Amino acid sequence: MTAIRRPRACLLTALVALAVSAPASAAHADPDPGLRAKQWYLDVLRVPELHAMGVTGQGVTVAVIDSGVDSGHPDLGGGTVLPGVVTGGPGDGRTDPSGHGTEMAGIIAAHGAVQGIAPAAQILPVVPGNSARSFSEALAESIRVAADRSARVISISIGTDDEPGPELDAAITYAASRDAVIVAAAGNTADGFTNLAWPAKSPGVLAVTGLSRDGSFSVYSAQGPEAALSAPAESITSITSRTVAGSTGYSTATGTSPAAAMVSGTAALIRQRYPELSAAGVVRRLTATARDAGPAGRDPQYGYGRLSPYEAVTVPEAELPTASPSASPRRGRSGPASYLPLWVAVLVLAAAAVAFARSRASRRA
């Protein structure tokens, strides 16, 4: 995950520099031609079985808010990368001087030497590059741009520990009104995050923590009560920008950035398979079919459980739980988390109290 510690004068410059230097997500060149065999997580998640069924993300646009995407990479050919946006600056996001955004795009939609979760999806690169504003403002604008460009999934693998302004919450609400699923990486311990980063812990965002190869919680991952899902985060083979010095175009990375990209790719598969399903319905499928881990129910490390793409796509609607878990819990800046079932209970109790009072008054009359 790219870490942005404080609002910077030049956001794009800070984003690129930290994407290169962040230890937990640093990539190294990998010239090995047997790259697909190194994508161990695809088989663990049963992704090839979904591809064999024709579930590949066809017709779904995934916005990648990051450092840009190398649109000329051979594993992203065939018009996979759409003309994007650099907010407040020149360019269309189809170049990537750091490689981080290309890695995320590859995990989502590569279709060459490596395979993405949703290889037929299209990628919309959006770079928060407005140098005149804070990270929170630039990210908020990026989310709005992605929603306006009809992205059905918005993948965010950048973050900060600075509490954002109200513009970010407003942008997330706006994207939700446009029926977009918003996914964000939890943050990496090597980048200084122990609690979840923003925007992962923003209300309405699906926060993703990391797993080690054996399925246990990764020591590289931040954690917190806002965690919604966990996904593989260690030794993740993908593509990277060929403009990075010494790059072969392929890399192996560790961090919650890849985990978030996997969830974003899975959301694209669900949106192809169930085109009429709302964003809330997609989140429900992701969380309801997750394999519970750690303490029973939702917990700060695994969230609702480990990502299970095969089940998220194939479990019949009638077999899903009737309760609809949310993404990040709705919480105030300093208040406790609250959930829809609590409000339902309050309303039911209030209605019962009113009915009881009216009944007593009627008897007295």
Protein backbone atom coordinates (compact mmCIF):
# COMPACT_ATOMS: atom_id res chain seq x y z
CA MET A 1 0.00 0.00 0.00
CA THR A 2 1.24 3.46 -0.80
CA ALA A 3 1.49 5.48 2.40
CA ILE A 4 0.94 9.21 2.52
CA ARG A 5 1.83 10.37 5.99
CA ARG A 6 0.76 14.01 5.81
CA PRO A 7 -0.87 16.29 3.24
CA ARG A 8 1.82 17.36 0.80
CA ALA A 9 2.35 20.43 -1.38
CA CYS A 10 2.58 18.18 -4.43
CA LEU A 11 0.40 15.11 -4.00
CA LEU A 12 1.42 13.35 -7.19
CA THR A 13 5.11 13.66 -6.36
CA ALA A 14 4.53 12.36 -2.83
CA LEU A 15 2.39 9.50 -4.10
CA VAL A 16 5.02 8.33 -6.56
CA ALA A 17 7.98 8.64 -4.18
CA LEU A 18 6.30 6.75 -1.36
CA ALA A 19 4.98 4.07 -3.67
CA VAL A 20 8.56 3.29 -4.63
CA SER A 21 10.01 3.38 -1.13
CA ALA A 22 7.31 1.74 1.02
CA PRO A 23 9.03 -1.44 2.33
CA ALA A 24 5.90 -3.55 2.73
CA SER A 25 4.78 -3.06 -0.85
CA ALA A 26 8.07 -2.69 -2.67
CA ALA A 27 8.32 -4.73 -5.88
CA HIS A 28 11.30 -6.54 -7.31
CA ALA A 29 11.89 -7.53 -10.92
CA ASP A 30 10.99 -11.14 -11.70
CA PRO A 31 12.13 -12.40 -15.12
CA ASP A 32 10.88 -15.95 -14.48
CA PRO A 33 8.59 -16.97 -17.39
CA GLY A 34 6.60 -19.30 -15.11
CA LEU A 35 4.77 -16.39 -13.54
CA ARG A 36 1.31 -17.96 -13.58
CA ALA A 37 2.60 -20.83 -11.45
CA LYS A 38 3.67 -18.26 -8.86
CA GLN A 39 0.15 -16.87 -8.56
CA TRP A 40 -0.67 -19.28 -5.76
CA TYR A 41 -3.58 -17.19 -4.54
CA LEU A 42 -5.63 -17.77 -7.71
CA ASP A 43 -5.93 -21.48 -6.95
CA VAL A 44 -6.56 -20.89 -3.24
CA LEU A 45 -9.43 -18.55 -4.16
CA ARG A 46 -10.72 -20.95 -6.89
CA VAL A 47 -10.55 -18.18 -9.46
CA PRO A 48 -9.74 -20.46 -12.45
CA GLU A 49 -13.01 -22.32 -11.83
CA LEU A 50 -14.94 -19.07 -12.18
CA HIS A 51 -13.09 -18.19 -15.38
CA ALA A 52 -13.97 -21.61 -16.78
CA MET A 53 -17.63 -20.74 -16.12
CA GLY A 54 -17.27 -17.53 -18.15
CA VAL A 55 -17.24 -15.27 -15.08
CA THR A 56 -14.37 -12.93 -15.97
CA GLY A 57 -15.63 -9.40 -15.21
CA GLN A 58 -16.74 -8.75 -18.77
CA GLY A 59 -18.50 -5.38 -19.12
CA VAL A 60 -17.44 -4.06 -15.71
CA THR A 61 -15.26 -0.95 -15.26
CA VAL A 62 -12.99 -0.85 -12.21
CA ALA A 63 -11.46 2.50 -11.28
CA VAL A 64 -7.94 2.21 -9.85
CA ILE A 65 -7.17 5.31 -7.79
CA ASP A 66 -3.41 5.16 -7.59
CA SER A 67 -0.19 6.23 -9.33
CA GLY A 68 -1.48 5.53 -12.87
CA VAL A 69 -1.45 2.41 -15.05
CA ASP A 70 1.03 1.43 -17.78
CA SER A 71 -1.51 0.98 -20.59
CA GLY A 72 1.14 -0.38 -22.95
CA HIS A 73 1.91 -3.42 -20.81
CA PRO A 74 1.29 -6.58 -22.88
CA ASP A 75 -0.73 -8.16 -20.09
CA LEU A 76 -3.21 -5.25 -20.25
CA GLY A 77 -3.76 -5.22 -24.00
CA GLY A 78 -6.95 -5.24 -26.00
CA GLY A 79 -8.24 -1.92 -24.70
CA THR A 80 -8.23 -3.01 -21.07
CA VAL A 81 -7.00 0.38 -19.82
CA LEU A 82 -9.38 3.24 -20.57
CA PRO A 83 -8.31 6.89 -20.84
CA GLY A 84 -8.38 8.09 -17.25
CA VAL A 85 -7.83 11.28 -15.28
CA VAL A 86 -5.10 13.05 -13.35
CA THR A 87 -7.19 15.25 -11.09
CA GLY A 88 -6.21 18.89 -11.39
CA GLY A 89 -3.32 18.16 -13.74
CA PRO A 90 -2.37 17.06 -17.27
CA GLY A 91 -2.44 13.47 -18.47
CA ASP A 92 -4.97 10.66 -18.61
CA GLY A 93 -3.45 8.27 -16.06
CA ARG A 94 -2.17 5.77 -18.64
CA THR A 95 1.45 6.12 -17.56
CA ASP A 96 2.88 4.99 -14.24
CA PRO A 97 6.27 6.22 -13.04
CA SER A 98 6.18 4.16 -9.82
CA GLY A 99 4.62 0.84 -10.82
CA HIS A 100 2.20 0.61 -7.90
CA GLY A 101 -0.98 1.40 -9.82
CA THR A 102 0.00 -1.02 -12.60
CA GLU A 103 0.49 -3.77 -10.02
CA MET A 104 -3.03 -3.23 -8.74
CA ALA A 105 -4.48 -3.14 -12.25
CA GLY A 106 -2.68 -6.42 -12.99
CA ILE A 107 -4.09 -8.17 -9.94
CA ILE A 108 -7.54 -7.07 -11.06
CA ALA A 109 -7.49 -7.48 -14.85
CA ALA A 110 -4.21 -8.82 -16.31
CA HIS A 111 -4.57 -11.43 -19.05
CA GLY A 112 -1.18 -12.58 -20.23
CA ALA A 113 1.82 -14.10 -18.47
CA VAL A 114 -0.14 -13.44 -15.27
CA GLN A 115 -3.88 -13.57 -14.80
CA GLY A 116 -6.06 -11.11 -12.92
CA ILE A 117 -9.09 -11.94 -10.81
CA ALA A 118 -11.33 -10.36 -13.47
CA PRO A 119 -9.28 -10.52 -16.71
CA ALA A 120 -12.07 -9.20 -18.93
CA ALA A 121 -12.80 -6.12 -16.79
CA GLN A 122 -11.72 -2.67 -17.93
CA ILE A 123 -9.49 -0.42 -15.84
CA LEU A 124 -10.08 3.32 -15.39
CA PRO A 125 -6.90 4.90 -13.95
CA VAL A 126 -7.44 7.92 -11.71
CA VAL A 127 -4.45 9.74 -10.20
CA PRO A 128 -4.95 12.16 -7.25
CA GLY A 129 -2.61 14.75 -8.68
CA ASN A 130 -3.90 18.17 -7.69
CA SER A 131 -0.91 19.88 -6.10
CA ALA A 132 -2.94 22.79 -4.71
CA ARG A 133 -5.07 20.76 -2.33
CA SER A 134 -4.76 18.28 0.51
CA PHE A 135 -4.70 14.53 0.00
CA SER A 136 -8.24 14.30 1.37
CA GLU A 137 -9.53 16.83 -1.16
CA ALA A 138 -7.67 15.25 -4.07
CA LEU A 139 -8.87 11.77 -3.12
CA ALA A 140 -12.44 13.03 -2.77
CA GLU A 141 -12.26 14.51 -6.27
CA SER A 142 -10.81 11.24 -7.60
CA ILE A 143 -13.70 9.24 -6.13
CA ARG A 144 -16.23 11.62 -7.68
CA VAL A 145 -14.49 11.41 -11.06
CA ALA A 146 -14.50 7.61 -10.91
CA ALA A 147 -18.21 7.57 -10.08
CA ASP A 148 -19.01 10.04 -12.86
CA ARG A 149 -17.09 7.87 -15.32
CA SER A 150 -19.46 4.97 -14.51
CA ALA A 151 -16.96 2.87 -12.56
CA ARG A 152 -18.95 0.09 -10.90
CA VAL A 153 -16.06 -0.71 -8.57
CA ILE A 154 -13.57 1.80 -7.12
CA SER A 155 -10.29 0.29 -5.89
CA ILE A 156 -8.10 2.39 -3.55
CA SER A 157 -4.69 1.13 -2.40
CA ILE A 158 -3.36 4.43 -1.11
CA GLY A 159 -4.02 6.03 2.25
CA THR A 160 -3.10 8.34 5.07
CA ASP A 161 -3.21 8.44 8.86
CA ASP A 162 -4.46 12.05 8.84
CA GLU A 163 -8.16 12.29 9.53
CA PRO A 164 -9.84 13.58 6.35
CA GLY A 165 -12.18 16.50 6.00
CA PRO A 166 -15.93 16.24 5.31
CA GLU A 167 -15.30 16.35 1.57
CA LEU A 168 -14.16 12.72 1.62
CA ASP A 169 -17.31 11.47 3.35
CA ALA A 170 -19.37 13.50 0.87
CA ALA A 171 -17.53 11.95 -2.08
CA ILE A 172 -18.04 8.43 -0.73
CA THR A 173 -21.74 9.14 -0.25
CA TYR A 174 -21.90 10.51 -3.79
CA ALA A 175 -20.22 7.41 -5.25
CA ALA A 176 -22.63 5.21 -3.31
CA SER A 177 -25.53 7.15 -4.83
CA ARG A 178 -24.03 6.27 -8.23
CA ASP A 179 -24.08 2.58 -7.20
CA ALA A 180 -20.31 2.11 -6.96
CA VAL A 181 -18.64 -0.43 -4.65
CA ILE A 182 -15.69 1.26 -2.90
CA VAL A 183 -12.81 -0.94 -1.71
CA ALA A 184 -9.71 0.27 0.18
CA ALA A 185 -6.55 -1.26 1.63
CA ALA A 186 -6.21 -1.33 5.41
CA GLY A 187 -2.60 -0.11 5.49
CA ASN A 188 0.74 -1.76 6.24
CA THR A 189 2.57 -2.00 9.56
CA ALA A 190 5.86 -1.36 7.74
CA ASP A 191 4.44 2.00 6.64
CA GLY A 192 3.66 2.88 10.26
CA PHE A 193 -0.01 1.88 10.27
CA THR A 194 -1.26 -0.18 13.21
CA ASN A 195 -4.85 1.01 13.03
CA LEU A 196 -6.58 1.21 9.67
CA ALA A 197 -5.69 4.04 7.31
CA TRP A 198 -8.09 6.50 5.76
CA PRO A 199 -10.08 6.03 3.55
CA ALA A 200 -10.28 2.34 4.53
CA LYS A 201 -11.98 3.23 7.81
CA SER A 202 -14.31 5.79 6.27
CA PRO A 203 -18.02 4.92 6.50
CA GLY A 204 -19.26 3.23 3.33
CA VAL A 205 -15.87 1.79 2.33
CA LEU A 206 -15.09 -1.94 2.25
CA ALA A 207 -11.85 -2.13 4.28
CA VAL A 208 -9.53 -5.03 3.40
CA THR A 209 -6.84 -6.46 5.67
CA GLY A 210 -4.10 -8.90 4.68
CA LEU A 211 -3.54 -12.66 5.01
CA SER A 212 -0.35 -14.69 4.92
CA ARG A 213 -0.01 -17.62 2.55
CA ASP A 214 -1.36 -20.08 5.15
CA GLY A 215 -4.50 -17.98 5.66
CA SER A 216 -3.53 -16.51 9.01
CA PHE A 217 -3.56 -12.78 9.65
CA SER A 218 -0.53 -11.11 8.08
CA VAL A 219 1.99 -9.37 10.32
CA TYR A 220 2.27 -6.73 7.58
CA SER A 221 -1.38 -5.71 7.87
CA ALA A 222 -3.00 -2.97 9.92
CA GLN A 223 -6.18 -3.89 11.78
CA GLY A 224 -9.20 -2.22 13.36
CA PRO A 225 -12.95 -2.52 14.03
CA GLU A 226 -13.75 -1.16 10.57
CA ALA A 227 -12.18 -4.21 8.85
CA ALA A 228 -14.71 -5.89 6.57
CA LEU A 229 -12.77 -8.58 4.67
CA SER A 230 -9.33 -10.16 4.56
CA ALA A 231 -7.49 -11.40 1.46
CA PRO A 232 -4.05 -12.76 0.47
CA ALA A 233 -1.33 -10.13 0.94
CA GLU A 234 2.07 -11.86 0.91
CA SER A 235 4.27 -12.77 -2.08
CA ILE A 236 1.71 -11.63 -4.63
CA THR A 237 2.97 -11.90 -8.22
CA SER A 238 1.62 -9.32 -10.66
CA ILE A 239 2.76 -6.93 -13.37
CA THR A 240 4.40 -3.56 -12.91
CA SER A 241 5.16 -0.51 -15.01
CA ARG A 242 7.99 -1.08 -17.44
CA THR A 243 9.17 2.50 -16.94
CA VAL A 244 10.52 1.71 -13.46
CA ALA A 245 14.33 1.40 -13.53
CA GLY A 246 15.41 -2.22 -13.93
CA SER A 247 11.85 -3.48 -14.39
CA THR A 248 11.04 -6.52 -16.51
CA GLY A 249 7.36 -5.65 -16.31
CA TYR A 250 6.64 -8.20 -13.57
CA SER A 251 6.95 -8.09 -9.80
CA THR A 252 6.18 -9.71 -6.47
CA ALA A 253 4.72 -7.55 -3.71
CA THR A 254 3.58 -7.86 -0.09
CA GLY A 255 1.03 -5.60 1.58
CA THR A 256 -2.66 -4.85 1.88
CA SER A 257 -2.66 -3.11 -1.52
CA PRO A 258 -2.81 -6.46 -3.37
CA ALA A 259 -5.45 -7.72 -0.93
CA ALA A 260 -7.73 -4.77 -1.75
CA ALA A 261 -7.18 -5.29 -5.47
CA MET A 262 -8.28 -8.94 -5.13
CA VAL A 263 -11.51 -7.88 -3.44
CA SER A 264 -12.07 -5.27 -6.16
CA GLY A 265 -11.59 -7.92 -8.84
CA THR A 266 -14.04 -10.21 -7.06
CA ALA A 267 -16.59 -7.38 -6.90
CA ALA A 268 -16.22 -7.07 -10.69
CA LEU A 269 -16.98 -10.79 -11.07
CA ILE A 270 -20.13 -10.42 -8.97
CA ARG A 271 -21.24 -7.37 -10.95
CA GLN A 272 -20.91 -9.31 -14.20
CA ARG A 273 -22.72 -12.36 -12.87
CA TYR A 274 -25.53 -10.32 -11.25
CA PRO A 275 -25.81 -7.15 -13.38
CA GLU A 276 -28.98 -5.97 -11.64
CA LEU A 277 -27.52 -6.32 -8.15
CA SER A 278 -26.95 -3.05 -6.28
CA ALA A 279 -23.61 -2.06 -4.76
CA ALA A 280 -25.04 -2.93 -1.33
CA GLY A 281 -25.99 -6.33 -2.69
CA VAL A 282 -22.44 -6.89 -3.95
CA VAL A 283 -21.04 -6.01 -0.51
CA ARG A 284 -23.53 -8.36 1.07
CA ARG A 285 -22.38 -11.22 -1.16
CA LEU A 286 -18.72 -10.51 -0.41
CA THR A 287 -19.18 -10.38 3.35
CA ALA A 288 -21.87 -13.02 3.75
CA THR A 289 -19.84 -15.66 1.88
CA ALA A 290 -16.51 -14.84 3.56
CA ARG A 291 -15.02 -17.70 5.56
CA ASP A 292 -15.08 -16.76 9.21
CA ALA A 293 -11.70 -16.70 10.93
CA GLY A 294 -10.46 -15.56 14.32
CA PRO A 295 -13.19 -14.86 16.91
CA ALA A 296 -16.70 -15.76 15.78
CA GLY A 297 -18.34 -13.02 13.74
CA ARG A 298 -16.75 -9.76 12.70
CA ASP A 299 -13.37 -9.00 14.25
CA PRO A 300 -10.64 -6.34 13.82
CA GLN A 301 -8.24 -8.62 11.94
CA TYR A 302 -10.30 -10.68 9.51
CA GLY A 303 -13.44 -8.56 9.38
CA TYR A 304 -16.31 -10.85 8.39
CA GLY A 305 -13.76 -13.42 7.23
CA ARG A 306 -11.48 -14.49 4.40
CA LEU A 307 -12.40 -13.54 0.84
CA SER A 308 -14.12 -16.42 -1.00
CA PRO A 309 -14.70 -15.44 -4.66
CA TYR A 310 -16.13 -18.78 -5.76
CA GLU A 311 -18.80 -18.77 -3.07
CA ALA A 312 -19.48 -15.03 -3.53
CA VAL A 313 -20.37 -15.69 -7.17
CA THR A 314 -22.05 -19.08 -6.98
CA VAL A 315 -24.02 -19.28 -3.71
CA PRO A 316 -27.75 -18.95 -4.52
CA GLU A 317 -29.50 -15.87 -3.18
CA ALA A 318 -31.85 -18.01 -1.10
CA GLU A 319 -28.89 -19.46 0.80
CA LEU A 320 -27.39 -16.10 1.80
CA PRO A 321 -28.06 -14.84 5.34
CA THR A 322 -31.10 -12.57 5.58
CA ALA A 323 -29.14 -9.90 7.47
CA SER A 324 -27.13 -7.56 5.25
CA PRO A 325 -23.77 -6.67 6.82
CA SER A 326 -22.44 -3.25 5.93
CA ALA A 327 -19.02 -2.17 4.74
CA SER A 328 -17.27 -0.03 7.34
CA PRO A 329 -19.54 0.49 10.35
CA ARG A 330 -21.27 3.85 10.45
CA ARG A 331 -19.46 5.77 13.14
CA GLY A 332 -18.91 9.33 14.14
CA ARG A 333 -15.45 10.79 14.37
CA SER A 334 -15.32 9.92 18.07
CA GLY A 335 -18.50 7.94 18.66
CA PRO A 336 -19.04 4.20 18.85
CA ALA A 337 -19.91 2.02 15.88
CA SER A 338 -23.60 1.54 15.17
CA TYR A 339 -25.38 -0.92 12.93
CA LEU A 340 -28.69 -1.05 11.12
CA PRO A 341 -30.14 -3.84 13.28
CA LEU A 342 -29.77 -1.62 16.37
CA TRP A 343 -31.77 1.15 14.72
CA VAL A 344 -34.42 -1.36 13.67
CA ALA A 345 -34.66 -2.57 17.25
CA VAL A 346 -34.97 0.99 18.55
CA LEU A 347 -37.78 1.75 16.08
CA VAL A 348 -39.63 -1.44 16.98
CA LEU A 349 -39.38 -0.69 20.71
CA ALA A 350 -40.51 2.89 20.18
CA ALA A 351 -43.52 1.74 18.16
CA ALA A 352 -44.41 -0.78 20.85
CA ALA A 353 -44.18 1.89 23.56
CA VAL A 354 -46.50 4.22 21.63
CA ALA A 355 -49.01 1.41 21.06
CA PHE A 356 -48.93 0.49 24.77
CA ALA A 357 -49.51 4.11 25.85
CA ARG A 358 -52.45 4.49 23.46
CA SER A 359 -53.93 1.24 24.72
CA ARG A 360 -53.79 2.44 28.36
CA ALA A 361 -55.31 5.79 27.44
CA SER A 362 -58.15 4.03 25.61
CA ARG A 363 -58.92 1.81 28.60
CA ARG A 364 -59.02 4.83 30.96
CA ALA A 365 -61.49 6.60 28.67
